[in-house]
Structure formats: structure tokens, C-alpha cells
């Protein structure tokens, strides 16, 4: 649901910008607010699921996602829409931070490859169908139905989770009593926000401006402090020892690079097709 929502939302941005009489620098915050919220909360929500139970976090995340989706479709201003998408991003982070862990915990080792493959196939289908369905909904009913439809899918997923998932998923970590890594959560969030600030402020103030330099300095300071903290805390938010595995490190970097390239293209392409080439959402 969250993948289809994200892809459909990008397709609807040009129409939303026209509906609220705004421009690209403003309407981009609909995507930035949603994506940044997920990015910042993904690690903390995964850790929270380990502590209190993944099913609880997963189901609650879907209900928050649904509330944010219906609020987004009912938005009367672009500012309200940004806030609603931030709320929806909280729910999406809760589901994404626990879903794969639940799949891994539910299947024996010899079946995990197939289970994860099926999960990622469903994610891929959502990414493919999201823009197509969004274009149809925008052309036929208007942009709010992009958000209503994904909120409806999220509601069905929440009900399905309540029915299918066991009452006790057995996912509470044995390390739960060690507590939540608040320092790691704050530092990881600060690092990601500083990184986004570089990308957002650079084109506005110039890449060699004081603001850009300050953003770069804050990013470097935050990431150094985060690494220092995580290497010394008893129950870290992110086990940095994973990066000693060359395969894991290379795969993570490759995945990041792929997402960076695809996200840039997916964000700009709808504006190019609609505003430059003059194609409608139903084309």
C-alpha cells in the first residue's frame, strides 16, 4: 500500500500544484515530508517492534497510514496536505520497519528466500500499478482519490493483519529490557535531516553558500557522532558490525544508488510529461 501510494502521489503532484495554484518548490514538500518521515523513523520503528511486538507496531502503523491517507484526500491547502502526508509517513515507517522482520521470523531458514522473494514481488507490483492506477483515478475522479484508494487498501491490509497474524507473534526481542536507544534515534534522525538539508538548500542558496556549508558541517558532525554512539551503546539502533561484511556493504550501497537514480527520475518525469509535453494524466 505504501509503495503504491508513493508512486501514485508522484504522478498526482502536477495536478495538485495546479489545484492549489502553487509551484514545484512548494509541492515537492508533499513528497519530501512523506519520504523524510519514513527515512527518519524506519530504524526507530524497527527497534520499537523488537521491543513491544512487531504485530502491534505493524497493525497500528496501518491505521495511522489510513488516517493520514483520508486526511490527505480531504486537504484544502497544500500545507495541510504536507502535514497529512507526514502523519501517513509515520504509519508507513511502522509497517515498513516491521514487515520484513515478521516474514523472516515466520518462516524457517530454508523457506525465507522464497518468502522474501514473494514479498518483494508484491512490492514491485505496487510500484508498477501505483502510477497507472493513479493516472486513471486522477483523470476520472480527481487527485484526492489517489489518496482515498491507497487508504482503502491500507484499511483492508490492517483488517487482514488482524485476522491472519497470530495473537502473539513472538517477536519481542530478548534484548527488550535493555531499553530504547534514544541517542541513536536522535542522532540518526539528525543525520538524515542534515543530509536532506544539503540537497534542498544547495539549489536555493548555492552549493558554495554559507547555508550549504553549514548543512554539510552538520551532516558530517551528526554522522560521526552517530557512529561513535552506536559503537559504544549496549543495545544500538543500528548494528554497525554488519558493515564488516563486504557483501552486505556493497549490496546496501548498490540499493541506495539505485533508489537515488529511480526516485529522481520518477519525481521529475510527471512534470516533464504534463507541463512540458502537455500530456494529461489519462494519456
C-alpha atoms as a PDB file:
ATOM      1  CA  UNK A   1       0.000   0.000   0.000  1.00  0.00           C
ATOM      2  CA  UNK A   2       2.749   2.472   0.926  1.00  0.00           C
ATOM      3  CA  UNK A   3       4.741   1.787  -2.261  1.00  0.00           C
ATOM      4  CA  UNK A   4       1.668   2.220  -4.474  1.00  0.00           C
ATOM      5  CA  UNK A   5       0.791   5.370  -2.516  1.00  0.00           C
ATOM      6  CA  UNK A   6       4.248   6.852  -3.003  1.00  0.00           C
ATOM      7  CA  UNK A   7       4.317   6.191  -6.743  1.00  0.00           C
ATOM      8  CA  UNK A   8       0.749   7.374  -7.242  1.00  0.00           C
ATOM      9  CA  UNK A   9       1.423  10.505  -5.214  1.00  0.00           C
ATOM     10  CA  UNK A  10       4.301  11.483  -7.505  1.00  0.00           C
ATOM     11  CA  UNK A  11       2.041  11.172 -10.573  1.00  0.00           C
ATOM     12  CA  UNK A  12      -0.553  13.405  -8.922  1.00  0.00           C
ATOM     13  CA  UNK A  13       1.859  16.221  -7.985  1.00  0.00           C
ATOM     14  CA  UNK A  14       1.454  18.309 -11.187  1.00  0.00           C
ATOM     15  CA  UNK A  15      -2.340  18.189 -10.795  1.00  0.00           C
ATOM     16  CA  UNK A  16      -2.075  19.054  -7.096  1.00  0.00           C
ATOM     17  CA  UNK A  17       0.183  22.011  -7.893  1.00  0.00           C
ATOM     18  CA  UNK A  18      -2.421  23.366 -10.334  1.00  0.00           C
ATOM     19  CA  UNK A  19      -5.313  22.695  -7.929  1.00  0.00           C
ATOM     20  CA  UNK A  20      -3.645  24.705  -5.147  1.00  0.00           C
ATOM     21  CA  UNK A  21      -2.128  27.315  -7.510  1.00  0.00           C
ATOM     22  CA  UNK A  22       1.404  26.581  -6.356  1.00  0.00           C
ATOM     23  CA  UNK A  23       4.701  25.598  -7.987  1.00  0.00           C
ATOM     24  CA  UNK A  24       7.274  22.801  -7.917  1.00  0.00           C
ATOM     25  CA  UNK A  25       9.422  24.107  -4.998  1.00  0.00           C
ATOM     26  CA  UNK A  26       6.323  24.134  -2.778  1.00  0.00           C
ATOM     27  CA  UNK A  27       4.526  20.996  -3.930  1.00  0.00           C
ATOM     28  CA  UNK A  28       7.737  18.963  -3.649  1.00  0.00           C
ATOM     29  CA  UNK A  29       7.307  19.098   0.128  1.00  0.00           C
ATOM     30  CA  UNK A  30       4.412  16.672  -0.201  1.00  0.00           C
ATOM     31  CA  UNK A  31       6.944  14.052  -1.284  1.00  0.00           C
ATOM     32  CA  UNK A  32       9.819  15.324   0.853  1.00  0.00           C
ATOM     33  CA  UNK A  33       7.722  15.378   4.043  1.00  0.00           C
ATOM     34  CA  UNK A  34       6.431  11.860   3.432  1.00  0.00           C
ATOM     35  CA  UNK A  35       9.766  10.347   2.414  1.00  0.00           C
ATOM     36  CA  UNK A  36      11.804  12.115   5.094  1.00  0.00           C
ATOM     37  CA  UNK A  37       9.404  10.965   7.811  1.00  0.00           C
ATOM     38  CA  UNK A  38       9.747   7.345   6.681  1.00  0.00           C
ATOM     39  CA  UNK A  39      13.525   7.631   6.429  1.00  0.00           C
ATOM     40  CA  UNK A  40      13.915   9.180   9.867  1.00  0.00           C
ATOM     41  CA  UNK A  41      11.577   6.747  11.651  1.00  0.00           C
ATOM     42  CA  UNK A  42      12.392   3.483   9.867  1.00  0.00           C
ATOM     43  CA  UNK A  43      15.187   2.408  12.240  1.00  0.00           C
ATOM     44  CA  UNK A  44      13.405   3.508  15.447  1.00  0.00           C
ATOM     45  CA  UNK A  45      10.167   1.763  14.434  1.00  0.00           C
ATOM     46  CA  UNK A  46      12.051  -1.434  13.651  1.00  0.00           C
ATOM     47  CA  UNK A  47      13.657  -1.318  17.079  1.00  0.00           C
ATOM     48  CA  UNK A  48      10.325  -0.484  18.718  1.00  0.00           C
ATOM     49  CA  UNK A  49       8.822  -3.558  17.057  1.00  0.00           C
ATOM     50  CA  UNK A  50      11.590  -5.697  18.539  1.00  0.00           C
ATOM     51  CA  UNK A  51      10.743  -4.356  21.983  1.00  0.00           C
ATOM     52  CA  UNK A  52       6.934  -4.302  22.151  1.00  0.00           C
ATOM     53  CA  UNK A  53       5.990  -6.783  19.416  1.00  0.00           C
ATOM     54  CA  UNK A  54       6.072  -6.342  15.667  1.00  0.00           C
ATOM     55  CA  UNK A  55       2.395  -7.132  15.136  1.00  0.00           C
ATOM     56  CA  UNK A  56       1.325  -4.254  17.395  1.00  0.00           C
ATOM     57  CA  UNK A  57       3.541  -1.765  15.579  1.00  0.00           C
ATOM     58  CA  UNK A  58       2.583  -3.168  12.171  1.00  0.00           C
ATOM     59  CA  UNK A  59      -1.207  -3.003  12.691  1.00  0.00           C
ATOM     60  CA  UNK A  60      -1.106   0.398  14.412  1.00  0.00           C
ATOM     61  CA  UNK A  61       1.059   1.665  11.558  1.00  0.00           C
ATOM     62  CA  UNK A  62      -1.571   0.697   9.016  1.00  0.00           C
ATOM     63  CA  UNK A  63      -4.309   2.503  10.930  1.00  0.00           C
ATOM     64  CA  UNK A  64      -2.164   5.664  11.116  1.00  0.00           C
ATOM     65  CA  UNK A  65      -1.456   5.261   7.397  1.00  0.00           C
ATOM     66  CA  UNK A  66      -5.206   5.085   6.710  1.00  0.00           C
ATOM     67  CA  UNK A  67      -5.969   8.192   8.798  1.00  0.00           C
ATOM     68  CA  UNK A  68      -3.214  10.121   7.029  1.00  0.00           C
ATOM     69  CA  UNK A  69      -4.453   8.937   3.632  1.00  0.00           C
ATOM     70  CA  UNK A  70      -8.034  10.077   4.141  1.00  0.00           C
ATOM     71  CA  UNK A  71      -6.779  13.371   5.594  1.00  0.00           C
ATOM     72  CA  UNK A  72      -4.571  13.853   2.509  1.00  0.00           C
ATOM     73  CA  UNK A  73      -7.507  13.323   0.162  1.00  0.00           C
ATOM     74  CA  UNK A  74      -9.564  15.837   2.146  1.00  0.00           C
ATOM     75  CA  UNK A  75      -6.825  18.511   2.215  1.00  0.00           C
ATOM     76  CA  UNK A  76      -7.989  22.060   1.489  1.00  0.00           C
ATOM     77  CA  UNK A  77      -4.484  23.508   1.172  1.00  0.00           C
ATOM     78  CA  UNK A  78      -1.035  22.304   0.218  1.00  0.00           C
ATOM     79  CA  UNK A  79       0.179  22.995   3.766  1.00  0.00           C
ATOM     80  CA  UNK A  80      -2.471  20.695   5.226  1.00  0.00           C
ATOM     81  CA  UNK A  81      -1.598  18.082   2.618  1.00  0.00           C
ATOM     82  CA  UNK A  82       2.069  18.153   3.656  1.00  0.00           C
ATOM     83  CA  UNK A  83       1.133  17.672   7.322  1.00  0.00           C
ATOM     84  CA  UNK A  84      -1.243  14.823   6.433  1.00  0.00           C
ATOM     85  CA  UNK A  85       1.477  13.101   4.406  1.00  0.00           C
ATOM     86  CA  UNK A  86       3.884  13.422   7.351  1.00  0.00           C
ATOM     87  CA  UNK A  87       1.304  11.657   9.529  1.00  0.00           C
ATOM     88  CA  UNK A  88       0.913   8.990   6.863  1.00  0.00           C
ATOM     89  CA  UNK A  89       4.695   8.671   6.708  1.00  0.00           C
ATOM     90  CA  UNK A  90       4.727   7.761  10.409  1.00  0.00           C
ATOM     91  CA  UNK A  91       2.361   4.887   9.718  1.00  0.00           C
ATOM     92  CA  UNK A  92       4.303   3.794   6.663  1.00  0.00           C
ATOM     93  CA  UNK A  93       7.553   3.722   8.651  1.00  0.00           C
ATOM     94  CA  UNK A  94       5.880   1.499  11.239  1.00  0.00           C
ATOM     95  CA  UNK A  95       4.754  -1.036   8.633  1.00  0.00           C
ATOM     96  CA  UNK A  96       7.956  -0.999   6.590  1.00  0.00           C
ATOM     97  CA  UNK A  97      10.150  -1.239   9.685  1.00  0.00           C
ATOM     98  CA  UNK A  98       8.472  -4.447  10.846  1.00  0.00           C
ATOM     99  CA  UNK A  99       7.133  -6.246   7.751  1.00  0.00           C
ATOM    100  CA  UNK A 100      10.330  -7.927   6.570  1.00  0.00           C
ATOM    101  CA  UNK A 101      11.329  -8.871  10.122  1.00  0.00           C
ATOM    102  CA  UNK A 102       7.972 -10.613  10.574  1.00  0.00           C
ATOM    103  CA  UNK A 103       8.454 -12.545   7.334  1.00  0.00           C
ATOM    104  CA  UNK A 104      11.920 -13.666   8.438  1.00  0.00           C
ATOM    105  CA  UNK A 105      10.616 -14.704  11.860  1.00  0.00           C
ATOM    106  CA  UNK A 106       7.601 -16.582  10.446  1.00  0.00           C
ATOM    107  CA  UNK A 107       9.471 -18.872   8.035  1.00  0.00           C
ATOM    108  CA  UNK A 108      12.230 -21.432   8.633  1.00  0.00           C
ATOM    109  CA  UNK A 109      15.628 -20.645   7.142  1.00  0.00           C
ATOM    110  CA  UNK A 110      15.193 -22.873   4.087  1.00  0.00           C
ATOM    111  CA  UNK A 111      11.943 -21.088   3.130  1.00  0.00           C
ATOM    112  CA  UNK A 112      12.945 -17.487   3.837  1.00  0.00           C
ATOM    113  CA  UNK A 113      14.332 -16.870   0.366  1.00  0.00           C
ATOM    114  CA  UNK A 114      11.021 -17.762  -1.261  1.00  0.00           C
ATOM    115  CA  UNK A 115       9.038 -15.787   1.317  1.00  0.00           C
ATOM    116  CA  UNK A 116      11.151 -12.661   0.902  1.00  0.00           C
ATOM    117  CA  UNK A 117      11.024 -13.060  -2.873  1.00  0.00           C
ATOM    118  CA  UNK A 118       7.226 -13.116  -2.787  1.00  0.00           C
ATOM    119  CA  UNK A 119       7.163 -10.071  -0.527  1.00  0.00           C
ATOM    120  CA  UNK A 120       9.456  -8.069  -2.805  1.00  0.00           C
ATOM    121  CA  UNK A 121       7.433  -9.170  -5.838  1.00  0.00           C
ATOM    122  CA  UNK A 122       4.318  -7.710  -4.219  1.00  0.00           C
ATOM    123  CA  UNK A 123       6.256  -4.503  -3.513  1.00  0.00           C
ATOM    124  CA  UNK A 124       7.329  -4.405  -7.165  1.00  0.00           C
ATOM    125  CA  UNK A 125       3.754  -4.891  -8.361  1.00  0.00           C
ATOM    126  CA  UNK A 126       2.680  -1.984  -6.150  1.00  0.00           C
ATOM    127  CA  UNK A 127       5.392   0.192  -7.685  1.00  0.00           C
ATOM    128  CA  UNK A 128       4.254  -0.697 -11.205  1.00  0.00           C
ATOM    129  CA  UNK A 129       0.494  -0.437 -10.692  1.00  0.00           C
ATOM    130  CA  UNK A 130       0.618   2.676  -8.494  1.00  0.00           C
ATOM    131  CA  UNK A 131       1.315   5.234 -11.263  1.00  0.00           C
ATOM    132  CA  UNK A 132      -1.053   3.525 -13.731  1.00  0.00           C
ATOM    133  CA  UNK A 133      -3.989   3.415 -11.321  1.00  0.00           C
ATOM    134  CA  UNK A 134      -3.212   6.937 -10.105  1.00  0.00           C
ATOM    135  CA  UNK A 135      -3.384   8.290 -13.658  1.00  0.00           C
ATOM    136  CA  UNK A 136      -6.774   6.656 -14.176  1.00  0.00           C
ATOM    137  CA  UNK A 137      -8.128   7.948 -10.855  1.00  0.00           C
ATOM    138  CA  UNK A 138      -6.915  11.499 -11.470  1.00  0.00           C
ATOM    139  CA  UNK A 139      -8.392  11.621 -14.976  1.00  0.00           C
ATOM    140  CA  UNK A 140     -11.696  10.042 -13.892  1.00  0.00           C
ATOM    141  CA  UNK A 141     -12.378  11.259 -10.356  1.00  0.00           C
ATOM    142  CA  UNK A 142      -9.720  13.789  -9.343  1.00  0.00           C
ATOM    143  CA  UNK A 143      -6.444  13.704  -7.414  1.00  0.00           C
ATOM    144  CA  UNK A 144      -7.983  13.130  -3.923  1.00  0.00           C
ATOM    145  CA  UNK A 145      -8.984   9.638  -4.990  1.00  0.00           C
ATOM    146  CA  UNK A 146      -5.339   8.664  -5.317  1.00  0.00           C
ATOM    147  CA  UNK A 147      -5.063   9.044  -1.549  1.00  0.00           C
ATOM    148  CA  UNK A 148      -8.517   7.641  -0.787  1.00  0.00           C
ATOM    149  CA  UNK A 149      -7.772   4.485  -2.773  1.00  0.00           C
ATOM    150  CA  UNK A 150      -4.445   3.732  -1.079  1.00  0.00           C
ATOM    151  CA  UNK A 151      -6.002   4.490   2.313  1.00  0.00           C
ATOM    152  CA  UNK A 152      -8.708   1.952   1.473  1.00  0.00           C
ATOM    153  CA  UNK A 153      -6.077  -0.635   0.565  1.00  0.00           C
ATOM    154  CA  UNK A 154      -4.292   0.133   3.836  1.00  0.00           C
ATOM    155  CA  UNK A 155      -7.534  -0.415   5.759  1.00  0.00           C
ATOM    156  CA  UNK A 156      -8.002  -3.816   4.104  1.00  0.00           C
ATOM    157  CA  UNK A 157      -4.380  -4.676   4.937  1.00  0.00           C
ATOM    158  CA  UNK A 158      -4.898  -3.722   8.582  1.00  0.00           C
ATOM    159  CA  UNK A 159      -8.017  -5.883   8.823  1.00  0.00           C
ATOM    160  CA  UNK A 160      -6.200  -8.720   7.090  1.00  0.00           C
ATOM    161  CA  UNK A 161      -3.305  -8.400   9.522  1.00  0.00           C
ATOM    162  CA  UNK A 162      -5.643  -8.581  12.493  1.00  0.00           C
ATOM    163  CA  UNK A 163      -7.246 -11.740  11.099  1.00  0.00           C
ATOM    164  CA  UNK A 164      -4.190 -13.552   9.733  1.00  0.00           C
ATOM    165  CA  UNK A 165      -1.401 -12.675  12.138  1.00  0.00           C
ATOM    166  CA  UNK A 166      -1.233 -14.645  15.349  1.00  0.00           C
ATOM    167  CA  UNK A 167      -2.396 -13.057  18.565  1.00  0.00           C
ATOM    168  CA  UNK A 168       1.147 -13.205  19.889  1.00  0.00           C
ATOM    169  CA  UNK A 169       3.719 -13.016  17.124  1.00  0.00           C
ATOM    170  CA  UNK A 170       6.572 -13.952  19.435  1.00  0.00           C
ATOM    171  CA  UNK A 171       8.622 -11.119  18.023  1.00  0.00           C
ATOM    172  CA  UNK A 172       9.516  -9.324  21.234  1.00  0.00           C
ATOM    173  CA  UNK A 173      13.293  -9.330  21.378  1.00  0.00           C
ATOM    174  CA  UNK A 174      15.110 -10.907  24.295  1.00  0.00           C
ATOM    175  CA  UNK A 175      17.008  -7.619  24.473  1.00  0.00           C
ATOM    176  CA  UNK A 176      13.864  -5.561  25.022  1.00  0.00           C
ATOM    177  CA  UNK A 177      14.732  -4.922  28.662  1.00  0.00           C
ATOM    178  CA  UNK A 178      17.894  -3.107  27.566  1.00  0.00           C
ATOM    179  CA  UNK A 179      15.753  -0.163  26.545  1.00  0.00           C
ATOM    180  CA  UNK A 180      15.279   2.029  23.527  1.00  0.00           C
ATOM    181  CA  UNK A 181      18.355   3.668  22.019  1.00  0.00           C
ATOM    182  CA  UNK A 182      17.156   7.263  22.225  1.00  0.00           C
ATOM    183  CA  UNK A 183      20.614   8.646  21.472  1.00  0.00           C
ATOM    184  CA  UNK A 184      20.889   6.574  18.313  1.00  0.00           C
ATOM    185  CA  UNK A 185      17.358   7.535  17.244  1.00  0.00           C
ATOM    186  CA  UNK A 186      18.023  11.260  17.704  1.00  0.00           C
ATOM    187  CA  UNK A 187      21.416  11.145  16.006  1.00  0.00           C
ATOM    188  CA  UNK A 188      20.189   9.049  13.064  1.00  0.00           C
ATOM    189  CA  UNK A 189      17.260  11.434  12.562  1.00  0.00           C
ATOM    190  CA  UNK A 190      19.579  14.449  12.776  1.00  0.00           C
ATOM    191  CA  UNK A 191      21.968  12.884  10.253  1.00  0.00           C
ATOM    192  CA  UNK A 192      19.211  12.211   7.739  1.00  0.00           C
ATOM    193  CA  UNK A 193      17.631  15.646   8.182  1.00  0.00           C
ATOM    194  CA  UNK A 194      21.015  17.325   7.700  1.00  0.00           C
ATOM    195  CA  UNK A 195      21.610  15.275   4.542  1.00  0.00           C
ATOM    196  CA  UNK A 196      18.235  16.306   3.136  1.00  0.00           C
ATOM    197  CA  UNK A 197      19.006  19.915   4.065  1.00  0.00           C
ATOM    198  CA  UNK A 198      22.098  19.787   1.827  1.00  0.00           C
ATOM    199  CA  UNK A 199      20.018  18.604  -1.131  1.00  0.00           C
ATOM    200  CA  UNK A 200      17.252  21.146  -0.503  1.00  0.00           C
ATOM    201  CA  UNK A 201      19.339  24.203   0.343  1.00  0.00           C
ATOM    202  CA  UNK A 202      22.016  23.744  -2.313  1.00  0.00           C
ATOM    203  CA  UNK A 203      19.853  24.682  -5.317  1.00  0.00           C
ATOM    204  CA  UNK A 204      18.241  27.575  -3.398  1.00  0.00           C
ATOM    205  CA  UNK A 205      21.252  29.291  -1.820  1.00  0.00           C
ATOM    206  CA  UNK A 206      24.046  27.868  -3.983  1.00  0.00           C
ATOM    207  CA  UNK A 207      26.277  24.885  -3.356  1.00  0.00           C
ATOM    208  CA  UNK A 208      29.150  27.016  -2.026  1.00  0.00           C
ATOM    209  CA  UNK A 209      26.998  29.283   0.143  1.00  0.00           C
ATOM    210  CA  UNK A 210      27.203  29.556   3.922  1.00  0.00           C
ATOM    211  CA  UNK A 211      23.887  27.708   4.317  1.00  0.00           C
ATOM    212  CA  UNK A 212      25.108  24.780   2.217  1.00  0.00           C
ATOM    213  CA  UNK A 213      28.431  24.715   4.063  1.00  0.00           C
ATOM    214  CA  UNK A 214      26.624  24.738   7.420  1.00  0.00           C
ATOM    215  CA  UNK A 215      24.380  21.887   6.264  1.00  0.00           C
ATOM    216  CA  UNK A 216      27.425  19.858   5.186  1.00  0.00           C
ATOM    217  CA  UNK A 217      29.141  20.536   8.510  1.00  0.00           C
ATOM    218  CA  UNK A 218      26.044  19.493  10.450  1.00  0.00           C
ATOM    219  CA  UNK A 219      25.767  16.298   8.385  1.00  0.00           C
ATOM    220  CA  UNK A 220      29.408  15.334   8.969  1.00  0.00           C
ATOM    221  CA  UNK A 221      29.187  16.108  12.689  1.00  0.00           C
ATOM    222  CA  UNK A 222      25.960  14.116  13.089  1.00  0.00           C
ATOM    223  CA  UNK A 223      27.185  11.050  11.220  1.00  0.00           C
ATOM    224  CA  UNK A 224      30.467  10.995  13.190  1.00  0.00           C
ATOM    225  CA  UNK A 225      28.564  11.283  16.480  1.00  0.00           C
ATOM    226  CA  UNK A 226      26.099   8.608  15.370  1.00  0.00           C
ATOM    227  CA  UNK A 227      28.878   6.138  14.555  1.00  0.00           C
ATOM    228  CA  UNK A 228      30.694   6.966  17.820  1.00  0.00           C
ATOM    229  CA  UNK A 229      27.497   6.471  19.828  1.00  0.00           C
ATOM    230  CA  UNK A 230      26.375   3.255  18.134  1.00  0.00           C
ATOM    231  CA  UNK A 231      29.785   1.615  18.613  1.00  0.00           C
ATOM    232  CA  UNK A 232      29.592   2.202  22.356  1.00  0.00           C
ATOM    233  CA  UNK A 233      25.940   1.831  23.339  1.00  0.00           C
ATOM    234  CA  UNK A 234      24.891  -1.542  24.758  1.00  0.00           C
ATOM    235  CA  UNK A 235      21.842  -2.017  22.515  1.00  0.00           C
ATOM    236  CA  UNK A 236      22.432   0.070  19.364  1.00  0.00           C
ATOM    237  CA  UNK A 237      19.769   1.273  16.950  1.00  0.00           C
ATOM    238  CA  UNK A 238      21.917   0.012  14.076  1.00  0.00           C
ATOM    239  CA  UNK A 239      24.434  -2.818  14.472  1.00  0.00           C
ATOM    240  CA  UNK A 240      27.378  -1.284  12.603  1.00  0.00           C
ATOM    241  CA  UNK A 241      29.193  -4.613  12.729  1.00  0.00           C
ATOM    242  CA  UNK A 242      27.009  -5.674   9.791  1.00  0.00           C
ATOM    243  CA  UNK A 243      29.090  -3.451   7.538  1.00  0.00           C
ATOM    244  CA  UNK A 244      32.154  -5.590   8.144  1.00  0.00           C
ATOM    245  CA  UNK A 245      30.518  -7.987   5.691  1.00  0.00           C
ATOM    246  CA  UNK A 246      31.654  -6.809   2.252  1.00  0.00           C
ATOM    247  CA  UNK A 247      28.630  -8.346   0.525  1.00  0.00           C
ATOM    248  CA  UNK A 248      26.225  -6.534   2.839  1.00  0.00           C
ATOM    249  CA  UNK A 249      28.065  -3.225   2.422  1.00  0.00           C
ATOM    250  CA  UNK A 250      28.245  -3.399  -1.375  1.00  0.00           C
ATOM    251  CA  UNK A 251      24.614  -4.519  -1.645  1.00  0.00           C
ATOM    252  CA  UNK A 252      23.452  -1.666   0.622  1.00  0.00           C
ATOM    253  CA  UNK A 253      25.392   0.908  -1.405  1.00  0.00           C
ATOM    254  CA  UNK A 254      24.067  -0.511  -4.681  1.00  0.00           C
ATOM    255  CA  UNK A 255      20.493  -0.404  -3.387  1.00  0.00           C
ATOM    256  CA  UNK A 256      20.935   3.179  -2.230  1.00  0.00           C
ATOM    257  CA  UNK A 257      22.360   4.246  -5.586  1.00  0.00           C
ATOM    258  CA  UNK A 258      19.515   2.555  -7.461  1.00  0.00           C
ATOM    259  CA  UNK A 259      16.869   4.240  -5.310  1.00  0.00           C
ATOM    260  CA  UNK A 260      18.572   7.615  -5.729  1.00  0.00           C
ATOM    261  CA  UNK A 261      18.527   7.316  -9.520  1.00  0.00           C
ATOM    262  CA  UNK A 262      14.985   5.953  -9.753  1.00  0.00           C
ATOM    263  CA  UNK A 263      13.498   8.443  -7.305  1.00  0.00           C
ATOM    264  CA  UNK A 264      14.919  11.415  -9.204  1.00  0.00           C
ATOM    265  CA  UNK A 265      13.503  10.152 -12.481  1.00  0.00           C
ATOM    266  CA  UNK A 266      10.099   9.258 -11.047  1.00  0.00           C
ATOM    267  CA  UNK A 267       9.739  12.652  -9.375  1.00  0.00           C
ATOM    268  CA  UNK A 268      10.618  14.786 -12.399  1.00  0.00           C
ATOM    269  CA  UNK A 269       9.062  12.705 -15.179  1.00  0.00           C
ATOM    270  CA  UNK A 270       5.381  13.531 -14.428  1.00  0.00           C
ATOM    271  CA  UNK A 271       6.156  17.268 -14.517  1.00  0.00           C
ATOM    272  CA  UNK A 272       8.027  16.879 -17.803  1.00  0.00           C
ATOM    273  CA  UNK A 273       5.236  14.859 -19.407  1.00  0.00           C
ATOM    274  CA  UNK A 274       2.408  17.117 -18.222  1.00  0.00           C
ATOM    275  CA  UNK A 275       3.914  20.599 -18.074  1.00  0.00           C
ATOM    276  CA  UNK A 276       6.467  20.389 -20.910  1.00  0.00           C
ATOM    277  CA  UNK A 277       4.948  17.892 -23.351  1.00  0.00           C
ATOM    278  CA  UNK A 278       1.359  18.790 -22.488  1.00  0.00           C
ATOM    279  CA  UNK A 279       0.230  15.197 -21.878  1.00  0.00           C
ATOM    280  CA  UNK A 280      -2.660  14.599 -19.500  1.00  0.00           C
ATOM    281  CA  UNK A 281      -2.786  12.104 -16.663  1.00  0.00           C
ATOM    282  CA  UNK A 282      -5.052   9.883 -18.731  1.00  0.00           C
ATOM    283  CA  UNK A 283      -2.643   9.782 -21.700  1.00  0.00           C
END
